[in-house]
Amino acid sequence: MTARRYSPADRLIDHLDQGLRTVFGNPPTTGRPHPAANVADGELSDADRHHSAGLMRVNHCGEVCAQALYQGQALTARDPVIRDAMREAADEENDHLAWCRGRLNELDSRTSLLDPAFHLGSLALGAAAGAAGDRWSLGFLAETERQVVRHLSGHLERLPEADHRSRAIVTQMRTDEGEHASMAVQAGARELPAPVKRMMQLTSKVMTTLTYRV
């Protein structure tokens, strides 16, 4: 049987479906074991729970943005191998989405109300990066993941000491993001200019500041 060839319109519809699932639904996960499955929390005060929820809400929105970046880049990638690599990494980001959303539920909190807006903006950035060329797209991906690793390391320092479940989730996320950055470098990523990196850092700062509260 001949494999079906997907047109650009087919891929666009597929990405729209993924976007709706990312922001409003439950996107399919890889089925990996939950990193906090056998981890029990310590005693968390109301202030601790509020702070942990704010940090995990930021992490969840970061994963929404990551999904949108991957989707945008896969939509415009020229090399089918790179497109497949983007989609594979996006599947792992779905795990992160599910873990963060589940932890927010455990903390009696919610995801950010700004998720849809940040998703659309990140989708456009991803598509633009992909249109610039596969090596530039990979460079954008590698730098994004490096910044995410630093961001997650900071959250591990800021999470309440007794919040063992959130720590387990963030630790696994940090490992995965580092592997995604390495994948991009090995695939031929170009190093981004310093002004672009600084703009990415500024954009990330805006997102983290707003979604901690909203």
N, C-alpha and C. Protein backbone atom coordinates (compact mmCIF):
# COMPACT_ATOMS: atom_id res chain seq x y z
N MET A 1 0.85 -1.19 0.00
CA MET A 1 0.00 0.00 0.00
C MET A 1 0.89 1.25 0.00
N THR A 2 0.57 2.23 -0.86
CA THR A 2 1.37 3.44 -0.95
C THR A 2 1.04 4.38 0.20
N ALA A 3 2.09 4.91 0.84
CA ALA A 3 1.87 5.84 1.95
C ALA A 3 1.24 7.12 1.43
N ARG A 4 0.35 7.69 2.19
CA ARG A 4 -0.33 8.91 1.76
C ARG A 4 0.64 10.07 1.80
N ARG A 5 0.58 10.92 0.77
CA ARG A 5 1.38 12.13 0.74
C ARG A 5 0.52 13.29 1.27
N TYR A 6 1.05 13.96 2.28
CA TYR A 6 0.29 15.05 2.89
C TYR A 6 0.65 16.37 2.22
N SER A 7 -0.37 17.10 1.83
CA SER A 7 -0.17 18.41 1.20
C SER A 7 0.10 19.45 2.28
N PRO A 8 0.58 20.65 1.88
CA PRO A 8 0.75 21.73 2.87
C PRO A 8 -0.54 22.04 3.62
N ALA A 9 -1.68 21.96 2.93
CA ALA A 9 -2.97 22.22 3.60
C ALA A 9 -3.26 21.15 4.64
N ASP A 10 -2.93 19.88 4.32
CA ASP A 10 -3.12 18.80 5.29
C ASP A 10 -2.28 19.05 6.54
N ARG A 11 -1.01 19.44 6.32
CA ARG A 11 -0.12 19.66 7.46
C ARG A 11 -0.59 20.85 8.28
N LEU A 12 -1.13 21.89 7.61
CA LEU A 12 -1.63 23.06 8.33
C LEU A 12 -2.79 22.67 9.23
N ILE A 13 -3.73 21.87 8.71
CA ILE A 13 -4.86 21.43 9.51
C ILE A 13 -4.40 20.58 10.69
N ASP A 14 -3.41 19.73 10.44
CA ASP A 14 -2.86 18.90 11.51
C ASP A 14 -2.27 19.77 12.61
N HIS A 15 -1.54 20.82 12.22
CA HIS A 15 -0.91 21.70 13.21
C HIS A 15 -1.96 22.52 13.96
N LEU A 16 -3.02 22.92 13.29
CA LEU A 16 -4.10 23.63 13.98
C LEU A 16 -4.74 22.73 15.04
N ASP A 17 -4.94 21.47 14.68
CA ASP A 17 -5.50 20.51 15.63
C ASP A 17 -4.57 20.34 16.82
N GLN A 18 -3.27 20.23 16.55
CA GLN A 18 -2.31 20.10 17.64
C GLN A 18 -2.32 21.33 18.54
N GLY A 19 -2.45 22.51 17.92
CA GLY A 19 -2.48 23.74 18.70
C GLY A 19 -3.67 23.80 19.64
N LEU A 20 -4.84 23.41 19.15
CA LEU A 20 -6.03 23.41 19.99
C LEU A 20 -5.89 22.42 21.15
N ARG A 21 -5.31 21.26 20.85
CA ARG A 21 -5.10 20.27 21.90
C ARG A 21 -4.09 20.77 22.92
N THR A 22 -3.06 21.46 22.45
CA THR A 22 -2.02 21.97 23.35
C THR A 22 -2.58 22.97 24.34
N VAL A 23 -3.39 23.91 23.86
CA VAL A 23 -3.86 25.00 24.71
C VAL A 23 -5.10 24.61 25.51
N PHE A 24 -6.03 23.87 24.88
CA PHE A 24 -7.32 23.64 25.52
C PHE A 24 -7.61 22.18 25.88
N GLY A 25 -6.86 21.25 25.33
CA GLY A 25 -7.19 19.85 25.54
C GLY A 25 -6.10 19.05 26.20
N ASN A 26 -6.06 17.77 25.88
CA ASN A 26 -5.07 16.86 26.43
C ASN A 26 -4.34 16.19 25.28
N PRO A 27 -3.23 16.78 24.82
CA PRO A 27 -2.51 16.21 23.68
C PRO A 27 -1.95 14.84 24.02
N PRO A 28 -1.80 13.95 23.05
CA PRO A 28 -1.30 12.60 23.30
C PRO A 28 0.14 12.64 23.83
N THR A 29 0.43 11.80 24.80
CA THR A 29 1.76 11.73 25.39
C THR A 29 2.49 10.49 24.88
N THR A 30 3.76 10.37 25.25
CA THR A 30 4.56 9.22 24.81
C THR A 30 4.33 7.99 25.66
N GLY A 31 3.69 8.16 26.82
CA GLY A 31 3.47 7.02 27.71
C GLY A 31 4.64 6.74 28.63
N ARG A 32 5.60 7.67 28.69
CA ARG A 32 6.72 7.49 29.61
C ARG A 32 6.23 7.51 31.05
N PRO A 33 6.96 6.85 31.96
CA PRO A 33 6.58 6.90 33.38
C PRO A 33 6.60 8.34 33.90
N HIS A 34 5.66 8.65 34.75
CA HIS A 34 5.61 9.98 35.37
C HIS A 34 6.79 10.12 36.32
N PRO A 35 7.57 11.20 36.22
CA PRO A 35 8.77 11.32 37.07
C PRO A 35 8.46 11.43 38.56
N ALA A 36 7.24 11.81 38.91
CA ALA A 36 6.88 11.94 40.32
C ALA A 36 5.95 10.83 40.78
N ALA A 37 5.87 9.75 40.00
CA ALA A 37 4.91 8.68 40.30
C ALA A 37 5.09 8.11 41.69
N ASN A 38 6.32 7.95 42.12
CA ASN A 38 6.60 7.35 43.43
C ASN A 38 7.18 8.35 44.42
N VAL A 39 6.86 9.64 44.20
CA VAL A 39 7.40 10.70 45.04
C VAL A 39 6.27 11.30 45.88
N ALA A 40 6.49 11.38 47.18
CA ALA A 40 5.50 11.96 48.08
C ALA A 40 5.93 13.37 48.47
N ASP A 41 4.96 14.26 48.61
CA ASP A 41 5.25 15.63 49.03
C ASP A 41 5.55 15.69 50.52
N GLY A 42 6.31 16.73 50.89
CA GLY A 42 6.44 17.07 52.29
C GLY A 42 5.29 17.99 52.69
N GLU A 43 5.44 18.61 53.83
CA GLU A 43 4.40 19.53 54.31
C GLU A 43 4.57 20.88 53.60
N LEU A 44 3.52 21.30 52.89
CA LEU A 44 3.54 22.57 52.18
C LEU A 44 2.56 23.54 52.82
N SER A 45 3.05 24.74 53.16
CA SER A 45 2.16 25.77 53.68
C SER A 45 1.35 26.35 52.54
N ASP A 46 0.35 27.16 52.86
CA ASP A 46 -0.44 27.80 51.82
C ASP A 46 0.45 28.68 50.93
N ALA A 47 1.40 29.38 51.55
CA ALA A 47 2.31 30.23 50.78
C ALA A 47 3.19 29.39 49.86
N ASP A 48 3.64 28.24 50.36
CA ASP A 48 4.45 27.34 49.54
C ASP A 48 3.67 26.84 48.33
N ARG A 49 2.43 26.44 48.58
CA ARG A 49 1.60 25.92 47.49
C ARG A 49 1.34 27.00 46.44
N HIS A 50 1.10 28.23 46.90
CA HIS A 50 0.87 29.34 45.98
C HIS A 50 2.11 29.60 45.13
N HIS A 51 3.28 29.59 45.77
CA HIS A 51 4.52 29.85 45.06
C HIS A 51 4.83 28.72 44.06
N SER A 52 4.66 27.48 44.50
CA SER A 52 4.90 26.34 43.61
C SER A 52 3.96 26.40 42.41
N ALA A 53 2.70 26.75 42.67
CA ALA A 53 1.72 26.82 41.57
C ALA A 53 2.14 27.89 40.57
N GLY A 54 2.61 29.03 41.05
CA GLY A 54 3.05 30.07 40.14
C GLY A 54 4.20 29.62 39.27
N LEU A 55 5.17 28.92 39.86
CA LEU A 55 6.31 28.44 39.09
C LEU A 55 5.89 27.36 38.09
N MET A 56 5.01 26.46 38.50
CA MET A 56 4.58 25.40 37.59
C MET A 56 3.68 25.95 36.49
N ARG A 57 2.95 27.04 36.79
CA ARG A 57 2.16 27.68 35.75
C ARG A 57 3.08 28.29 34.69
N VAL A 58 4.18 28.90 35.14
CA VAL A 58 5.18 29.42 34.21
C VAL A 58 5.75 28.28 33.36
N ASN A 59 6.07 27.16 34.01
CA ASN A 59 6.64 26.02 33.28
C ASN A 59 5.65 25.47 32.26
N HIS A 60 4.38 25.42 32.64
CA HIS A 60 3.37 24.93 31.71
C HIS A 60 3.27 25.85 30.50
N CYS A 61 3.23 27.15 30.73
CA CYS A 61 3.15 28.09 29.61
C CYS A 61 4.40 27.99 28.74
N GLY A 62 5.55 27.77 29.37
CA GLY A 62 6.77 27.57 28.60
C GLY A 62 6.67 26.38 27.68
N GLU A 63 6.01 25.32 28.15
CA GLU A 63 5.83 24.13 27.31
C GLU A 63 4.81 24.39 26.19
N VAL A 64 3.80 25.21 26.47
CA VAL A 64 2.87 25.61 25.41
C VAL A 64 3.63 26.35 24.31
N CYS A 65 4.51 27.27 24.73
CA CYS A 65 5.32 28.01 23.76
C CYS A 65 6.25 27.08 22.99
N ALA A 66 6.86 26.12 23.70
CA ALA A 66 7.77 25.18 23.04
C ALA A 66 7.03 24.36 22.00
N GLN A 67 5.83 23.90 22.35
CA GLN A 67 5.03 23.15 21.38
C GLN A 67 4.76 23.98 20.14
N ALA A 68 4.38 25.23 20.35
CA ALA A 68 4.06 26.10 19.23
C ALA A 68 5.30 26.35 18.37
N LEU A 69 6.46 26.53 19.00
CA LEU A 69 7.69 26.72 18.24
C LEU A 69 7.98 25.51 17.37
N TYR A 70 7.90 24.33 17.97
CA TYR A 70 8.14 23.10 17.22
C TYR A 70 7.15 22.96 16.06
N GLN A 71 5.89 23.25 16.34
CA GLN A 71 4.87 23.12 15.31
C GLN A 71 5.13 24.09 14.15
N GLY A 72 5.48 25.33 14.50
CA GLY A 72 5.76 26.31 13.48
C GLY A 72 6.98 25.94 12.65
N GLN A 73 8.02 25.45 13.33
CA GLN A 73 9.24 25.07 12.62
C GLN A 73 9.00 23.84 11.73
N ALA A 74 8.24 22.88 12.23
CA ALA A 74 7.95 21.69 11.43
C ALA A 74 7.11 22.05 10.21
N LEU A 75 6.28 23.07 10.36
CA LEU A 75 5.40 23.48 9.25
C LEU A 75 6.20 24.04 8.08
N THR A 76 7.33 24.71 8.38
CA THR A 76 8.10 25.36 7.32
C THR A 76 9.45 24.71 7.06
N ALA A 77 9.79 23.64 7.78
CA ALA A 77 11.08 22.96 7.57
C ALA A 77 11.15 22.37 6.17
N ARG A 78 12.32 22.46 5.57
CA ARG A 78 12.49 21.94 4.22
C ARG A 78 12.90 20.47 4.22
N ASP A 79 13.73 20.08 5.17
CA ASP A 79 14.28 18.72 5.23
C ASP A 79 13.31 17.82 6.00
N PRO A 80 12.79 16.75 5.37
CA PRO A 80 11.86 15.85 6.07
C PRO A 80 12.46 15.24 7.33
N VAL A 81 13.77 14.99 7.34
CA VAL A 81 14.42 14.42 8.52
C VAL A 81 14.34 15.40 9.70
N ILE A 82 14.60 16.67 9.42
CA ILE A 82 14.52 17.69 10.47
C ILE A 82 13.08 17.87 10.91
N ARG A 83 12.15 17.83 9.95
CA ARG A 83 10.74 17.95 10.31
C ARG A 83 10.32 16.83 11.26
N ASP A 84 10.78 15.60 10.99
CA ASP A 84 10.46 14.48 11.86
C ASP A 84 11.09 14.63 13.23
N ALA A 85 12.32 15.17 13.27
CA ALA A 85 12.99 15.38 14.55
C ALA A 85 12.23 16.41 15.39
N MET A 86 11.72 17.44 14.73
CA MET A 86 10.92 18.45 15.43
C MET A 86 9.67 17.82 16.04
N ARG A 87 9.03 16.97 15.27
CA ARG A 87 7.79 16.36 15.75
C ARG A 87 8.06 15.38 16.89
N GLU A 88 9.19 14.69 16.82
CA GLU A 88 9.54 13.77 17.91
C GLU A 88 9.79 14.53 19.19
N ALA A 89 10.52 15.64 19.09
CA ALA A 89 10.75 16.46 20.28
C ALA A 89 9.44 17.03 20.81
N ALA A 90 8.53 17.41 19.91
CA ALA A 90 7.24 17.95 20.33
C ALA A 90 6.44 16.91 21.10
N ASP A 91 6.58 15.63 20.74
CA ASP A 91 5.89 14.57 21.48
C ASP A 91 6.35 14.54 22.93
N GLU A 92 7.66 14.72 23.15
CA GLU A 92 8.16 14.73 24.53
C GLU A 92 7.68 15.97 25.27
N GLU A 93 7.53 17.09 24.55
CA GLU A 93 7.00 18.29 25.19
C GLU A 93 5.55 18.06 25.65
N ASN A 94 4.82 17.21 24.95
CA ASN A 94 3.46 16.87 25.40
C ASN A 94 3.48 16.22 26.77
N ASP A 95 4.50 15.39 27.02
CA ASP A 95 4.65 14.80 28.35
C ASP A 95 4.79 15.91 29.39
N HIS A 96 5.62 16.90 29.08
CA HIS A 96 5.83 18.00 30.02
C HIS A 96 4.53 18.76 30.28
N LEU A 97 3.77 18.99 29.22
CA LEU A 97 2.48 19.66 29.38
C LEU A 97 1.58 18.91 30.34
N ALA A 98 1.49 17.61 30.15
CA ALA A 98 0.61 16.79 30.99
C ALA A 98 1.11 16.79 32.44
N TRP A 99 2.41 16.67 32.63
CA TRP A 99 2.95 16.64 33.99
C TRP A 99 2.71 17.97 34.71
N CYS A 100 2.95 19.09 34.00
CA CYS A 100 2.75 20.40 34.62
C CYS A 100 1.27 20.65 34.93
N ARG A 101 0.40 20.31 33.99
CA ARG A 101 -1.03 20.51 34.21
C ARG A 101 -1.52 19.65 35.38
N GLY A 102 -1.04 18.41 35.44
CA GLY A 102 -1.43 17.55 36.55
C GLY A 102 -0.96 18.08 37.89
N ARG A 103 0.26 18.62 37.92
CA ARG A 103 0.78 19.16 39.18
C ARG A 103 0.00 20.40 39.60
N LEU A 104 -0.38 21.23 38.64
CA LEU A 104 -1.20 22.39 38.97
C LEU A 104 -2.53 21.96 39.57
N ASN A 105 -3.13 20.91 39.05
CA ASN A 105 -4.37 20.39 39.62
C ASN A 105 -4.15 19.93 41.06
N GLU A 106 -3.03 19.25 41.31
CA GLU A 106 -2.72 18.79 42.67
C GLU A 106 -2.56 19.96 43.62
N LEU A 107 -2.07 21.08 43.10
CA LEU A 107 -1.86 22.28 43.93
C LEU A 107 -3.11 23.16 43.98
N ASP A 108 -4.22 22.65 43.45
CA ASP A 108 -5.49 23.39 43.42
C ASP A 108 -5.34 24.72 42.69
N SER A 109 -4.64 24.68 41.58
CA SER A 109 -4.44 25.88 40.79
C SER A 109 -4.81 25.62 39.34
N ARG A 110 -4.44 26.51 38.44
CA ARG A 110 -4.85 26.43 37.03
C ARG A 110 -3.70 26.86 36.14
N THR A 111 -3.87 26.60 34.84
CA THR A 111 -2.90 27.06 33.86
C THR A 111 -3.11 28.55 33.60
N SER A 112 -2.19 29.17 32.86
CA SER A 112 -2.25 30.61 32.63
C SER A 112 -3.37 30.97 31.66
N LEU A 113 -4.03 32.07 31.94
CA LEU A 113 -5.06 32.59 31.03
C LEU A 113 -4.44 33.15 29.75
N LEU A 114 -3.13 33.35 29.78
CA LEU A 114 -2.44 33.93 28.63
C LEU A 114 -1.89 32.87 27.66
N ASP A 115 -2.12 31.60 27.95
CA ASP A 115 -1.60 30.53 27.10
C ASP A 115 -1.95 30.70 25.62
N PRO A 116 -3.21 31.01 25.27
CA PRO A 116 -3.53 31.13 23.84
C PRO A 116 -2.71 32.20 23.13
N ALA A 117 -2.53 33.34 23.78
CA ALA A 117 -1.78 34.44 23.16
C ALA A 117 -0.32 34.06 22.96
N PHE A 118 0.29 33.45 23.98
CA PHE A 118 1.68 33.06 23.86
C PHE A 118 1.86 31.93 22.84
N HIS A 119 0.86 31.07 22.72
CA HIS A 119 0.94 30.01 21.73
C HIS A 119 0.97 30.59 20.32
N LEU A 120 0.09 31.54 20.03
CA LEU A 120 0.04 32.13 18.70
C LEU A 120 1.34 32.85 18.36
N GLY A 121 1.86 33.61 19.33
CA GLY A 121 3.11 34.31 19.10
C GLY A 121 4.27 33.37 18.84
N SER A 122 4.33 32.29 19.60
CA SER A 122 5.42 31.32 19.44
C SER A 122 5.29 30.55 18.14
N LEU A 123 4.05 30.28 17.72
CA LEU A 123 3.83 29.59 16.45
C LEU A 123 4.37 30.43 15.30
N ALA A 124 4.10 31.74 15.35
CA ALA A 124 4.59 32.64 14.30
C ALA A 124 6.12 32.69 14.31
N LEU A 125 6.72 32.75 15.50
CA LEU A 125 8.18 32.77 15.59
C LEU A 125 8.78 31.48 15.03
N GLY A 126 8.17 30.36 15.37
CA GLY A 126 8.67 29.08 14.88
C GLY A 126 8.59 28.99 13.37
N ALA A 127 7.47 29.43 12.81
CA ALA A 127 7.31 29.39 11.35
C ALA A 127 8.32 30.30 10.67
N ALA A 128 8.58 31.48 11.26
CA ALA A 128 9.56 32.40 10.70
C ALA A 128 10.96 31.81 10.76
N ALA A 129 11.28 31.15 11.88
CA ALA A 129 12.60 30.53 12.01
C ALA A 129 12.77 29.42 10.98
N GLY A 130 11.72 28.62 10.78
CA GLY A 130 11.78 27.56 9.79
C GLY A 130 11.93 28.10 8.38
N ALA A 131 11.25 29.20 8.11
CA ALA A 131 11.32 29.79 6.77
C ALA A 131 12.70 30.36 6.48
N ALA A 132 13.45 30.74 7.52
CA ALA A 132 14.79 31.29 7.34
C ALA A 132 15.79 30.23 6.89
N GLY A 133 15.43 28.97 7.03
CA GLY A 133 16.33 27.89 6.65
C GLY A 133 16.49 26.90 7.78
N ASP A 134 16.70 25.64 7.45
CA ASP A 134 16.72 24.59 8.46
C ASP A 134 17.82 24.79 9.49
N ARG A 135 19.01 25.21 9.06
CA ARG A 135 20.10 25.36 10.02
C ARG A 135 19.85 26.53 10.98
N TRP A 136 19.25 27.61 10.48
CA TRP A 136 18.88 28.71 11.36
C TRP A 136 17.74 28.29 12.30
N SER A 137 16.83 27.50 11.78
CA SER A 137 15.74 26.99 12.60
C SER A 137 16.27 26.13 13.74
N LEU A 138 17.22 25.27 13.41
CA LEU A 138 17.84 24.44 14.43
C LEU A 138 18.62 25.28 15.44
N GLY A 139 19.26 26.35 14.95
CA GLY A 139 19.96 27.24 15.87
C GLY A 139 19.02 27.92 16.84
N PHE A 140 17.85 28.33 16.34
CA PHE A 140 16.83 28.93 17.19
C PHE A 140 16.35 27.94 18.23
N LEU A 141 16.16 26.69 17.79
CA LEU A 141 15.73 25.64 18.71
C LEU A 141 16.78 25.38 19.78
N ALA A 142 18.04 25.27 19.36
CA ALA A 142 19.10 24.98 20.33
C ALA A 142 19.20 26.08 21.38
N GLU A 143 19.15 27.34 20.94
CA GLU A 143 19.26 28.44 21.90
C GLU A 143 18.04 28.50 22.82
N THR A 144 16.86 28.24 22.26
CA THR A 144 15.65 28.21 23.08
C THR A 144 15.79 27.18 24.20
N GLU A 145 16.25 25.98 23.84
CA GLU A 145 16.35 24.91 24.83
C GLU A 145 17.45 25.20 25.86
N ARG A 146 18.54 25.84 25.44
CA ARG A 146 19.58 26.22 26.40
C ARG A 146 19.01 27.19 27.43
N GLN A 147 18.23 28.17 26.95
CA GLN A 147 17.64 29.13 27.88
C GLN A 147 16.62 28.46 28.80
N VAL A 148 15.89 27.48 28.27
CA VAL A 148 14.92 26.76 29.09
C VAL A 148 15.63 25.97 30.18
N VAL A 149 16.75 25.35 29.85
CA VAL A 149 17.52 24.60 30.85
C VAL A 149 17.95 25.52 31.98
N ARG A 150 18.44 26.71 31.64
CA ARG A 150 18.84 27.66 32.69
C ARG A 150 17.64 28.11 33.52
N HIS A 151 16.53 28.32 32.84
CA HIS A 151 15.29 28.72 33.52
C HIS A 151 14.82 27.64 34.50
N LEU A 152 14.84 26.38 34.08
CA LEU A 152 14.41 25.28 34.94
C LEU A 152 15.38 25.09 36.11
N SER A 153 16.66 25.30 35.87
CA SER A 153 17.63 25.21 36.96
C SER A 153 17.32 26.27 38.02
N GLY A 154 16.94 27.46 37.56
CA GLY A 154 16.55 28.50 38.51
C GLY A 154 15.31 28.13 39.30
N HIS A 155 14.36 27.46 38.66
CA HIS A 155 13.15 27.04 39.37
C HIS A 155 13.46 25.97 40.41
N LEU A 156 14.41 25.10 40.13
CA LEU A 156 14.78 24.10 41.12
C LEU A 156 15.34 24.76 42.38
N GLU A 157 15.98 25.91 42.21
CA GLU A 157 16.48 26.64 43.37
C GLU A 157 15.37 27.37 44.10
N ARG A 158 14.33 27.77 43.38
CA ARG A 158 13.27 28.60 43.95
C ARG A 158 12.09 27.79 44.50
N LEU A 159 11.93 26.55 44.06
CA LEU A 159 10.81 25.75 44.57
C LEU A 159 10.97 25.49 46.06
N PRO A 160 9.86 25.45 46.81
CA PRO A 160 9.95 25.11 48.22
C PRO A 160 10.66 23.77 48.43
N GLU A 161 11.45 23.68 49.47
CA GLU A 161 12.25 22.47 49.71
C GLU A 161 11.37 21.23 49.82
N ALA A 162 10.17 21.40 50.38
CA ALA A 162 9.30 20.24 50.61
C ALA A 162 8.49 19.84 49.38
N ASP A 163 8.57 20.61 48.30
CA ASP A 163 7.77 20.30 47.12
C ASP A 163 8.53 19.28 46.25
N HIS A 164 8.56 18.06 46.74
CA HIS A 164 9.33 17.01 46.08
C HIS A 164 8.75 16.61 44.73
N ARG A 165 7.44 16.64 44.60
CA ARG A 165 6.82 16.21 43.34
C ARG A 165 7.14 17.19 42.21
N SER A 166 7.00 18.49 42.48
CA SER A 166 7.35 19.47 41.45
C SER A 166 8.82 19.37 41.09
N ARG A 167 9.67 19.14 42.08
CA ARG A 167 11.11 19.02 41.82
C ARG A 167 11.41 17.85 40.89
N ALA A 168 10.74 16.73 41.12
CA ALA A 168 10.96 15.55 40.27
C ALA A 168 10.56 15.84 38.82
N ILE A 169 9.44 16.53 38.65
CA ILE A 169 8.96 16.87 37.30
C ILE A 169 9.93 17.82 36.61
N VAL A 170 10.32 18.88 37.30
CA VAL A 170 11.20 19.89 36.69
C VAL A 170 12.57 19.29 36.37
N THR A 171 13.06 18.40 37.21
CA THR A 171 14.35 17.76 36.96
C THR A 171 14.32 16.95 35.66
N GLN A 172 13.25 16.18 35.45
CA GLN A 172 13.14 15.39 34.22
C GLN A 172 12.97 16.30 33.00
N MET A 173 12.20 17.37 33.16
CA MET A 173 12.03 18.32 32.07
C MET A 173 13.38 18.92 31.67
N ARG A 174 14.19 19.28 32.65
CA ARG A 174 15.49 19.87 32.36
C ARG A 174 16.37 18.90 31.58
N THR A 175 16.33 17.64 31.96
CA THR A 175 17.11 16.62 31.23
C THR A 175 16.65 16.53 29.78
N ASP A 176 15.35 16.48 29.56
CA ASP A 176 14.81 16.37 28.20
C ASP A 176 15.18 17.58 27.35
N GLU A 177 15.07 18.78 27.93
CA GLU A 177 15.36 19.99 27.16
C GLU A 177 16.83 20.04 26.76
N GLY A 178 17.71 19.60 27.65
CA GLY A 178 19.12 19.54 27.31
C GLY A 178 19.38 18.60 26.15
N GLU A 179 18.67 17.48 26.12
CA GLU A 179 18.82 16.52 25.02
C GLU A 179 18.30 17.11 23.70
N HIS A 180 17.23 17.90 23.77
CA HIS A 180 16.70 18.53 22.56
C HIS A 180 17.71 19.54 22.00
N ALA A 181 18.37 20.29 22.88
CA ALA A 181 19.39 21.23 22.43
C ALA A 181 20.54 20.49 21.76
N SER A 182 20.96 19.38 22.35
CA SER A 182 22.05 18.58 21.77
C SER A 182 21.65 18.03 20.41
N MET A 183 20.40 17.60 20.28
CA MET A 183 19.91 17.08 19.01
C MET A 183 20.02 18.14 17.92
N ALA A 184 19.63 19.36 18.26
CA ALA A 184 19.67 20.44 17.28
C ALA A 184 21.10 20.75 16.85
N VAL A 185 22.02 20.77 17.80
CA VAL A 185 23.43 21.05 17.49
C VAL A 185 24.00 19.96 16.59
N GLN A 186 23.71 18.71 16.92
CA GLN A 186 24.23 17.59 16.13
C GLN A 186 23.64 17.58 14.72
N ALA A 187 22.44 18.14 14.56
CA ALA A 187 21.80 18.17 13.25
C ALA A 187 22.30 19.32 12.38
N GLY A 188 23.17 20.17 12.94
CA GLY A 188 23.76 21.24 12.13
C GLY A 188 23.28 22.63 12.46
N ALA A 189 22.87 22.89 13.71
CA ALA A 189 22.37 24.20 14.09
C ALA A 189 23.43 25.29 13.93
N ARG A 190 23.00 26.44 13.46
CA ARG A 190 23.87 27.60 13.40
C ARG A 190 23.77 28.39 14.70
N GLU A 191 24.87 29.02 15.09
CA GLU A 191 24.87 29.86 16.29
C GLU A 191 24.17 31.17 15.99
N LEU A 192 23.21 31.55 16.83
CA LEU A 192 22.45 32.77 16.59
C LEU A 192 23.28 33.99 16.97
N PRO A 193 23.04 35.13 16.32
CA PRO A 193 23.72 36.37 16.70
C PRO A 193 23.33 36.78 18.12
N ALA A 194 24.24 37.45 18.82
CA ALA A 194 24.01 37.86 20.20
C ALA A 194 22.75 38.71 20.38
N PRO A 195 22.44 39.68 19.49
CA PRO A 195 21.21 40.46 19.68
C PRO A 195 19.95 39.61 19.66
N VAL A 196 19.93 38.57 18.84
CA VAL A 196 18.77 37.68 18.78
C VAL A 196 18.63 36.93 20.11
N LYS A 197 19.74 36.47 20.66
CA LYS A 197 19.70 35.77 21.94
C LYS A 197 19.16 36.68 23.04
N ARG A 198 19.62 37.94 23.03
CA ARG A 198 19.15 38.87 24.06
C ARG A 198 17.66 39.15 23.91
N MET A 199 17.18 39.26 22.67
CA MET A 199 15.75 39.47 22.46
C MET A 199 14.95 38.27 22.95
N MET A 200 15.45 37.07 22.73
CA MET A 200 14.78 35.87 23.22
C MET A 200 14.72 35.87 24.74
N GLN A 201 15.80 36.31 25.39
CA GLN A 201 15.82 36.37 26.85
C GLN A 201 14.81 37.38 27.37
N LEU A 202 14.70 38.52 26.70
CA LEU A 202 13.75 39.55 27.11
C LEU A 202 12.32 39.04 26.96
N THR A 203 12.04 38.38 25.84
CA THR A 203 10.69 37.83 25.62
C THR A 203 10.35 36.79 26.69
N SER A 204 11.32 35.95 27.02
CA SER A 204 11.11 34.94 28.06
C SER A 204 10.83 35.59 29.40
N LYS A 205 11.53 36.68 29.70
CA LYS A 205 11.31 37.38 30.96
C LYS A 205 9.89 37.92 31.06
N VAL A 206 9.39 38.46 29.97
CA VAL A 206 8.01 38.97 29.95
C VAL A 206 7.03 37.83 30.21
N MET A 207 7.23 36.71 29.53
CA MET A 207 6.33 35.57 29.69
C MET A 207 6.34 35.06 31.13
N THR A 208 7.52 34.88 31.71
CA THR A 208 7.58 34.31 33.06
C THR A 208 7.00 35.25 34.10
N THR A 209 7.21 36.54 33.93
CA THR A 209 6.69 37.51 34.89
C THR A 209 5.16 37.54 34.87
N LEU A 210 4.58 37.54 33.67
CA LEU A 210 3.13 37.62 33.55
C LEU A 210 2.44 36.34 33.98
N THR A 211 2.94 35.18 33.53
CA THR A 211 2.21 33.94 33.76
C THR A 211 2.36 33.43 35.19
N TYR A 212 3.34 33.90 35.94
CA TYR A 212 3.42 33.55 37.36
C TYR A 212 2.15 34.00 38.09
N ARG A 213 1.60 35.14 37.64
CA ARG A 213 0.45 35.72 38.33
C ARG A 213 -0.87 35.48 37.61
N VAL A 214 -0.83 35.40 36.28
CA VAL A 214 -2.10 35.39 35.51
C VAL A 214 -2.36 34.01 34.93
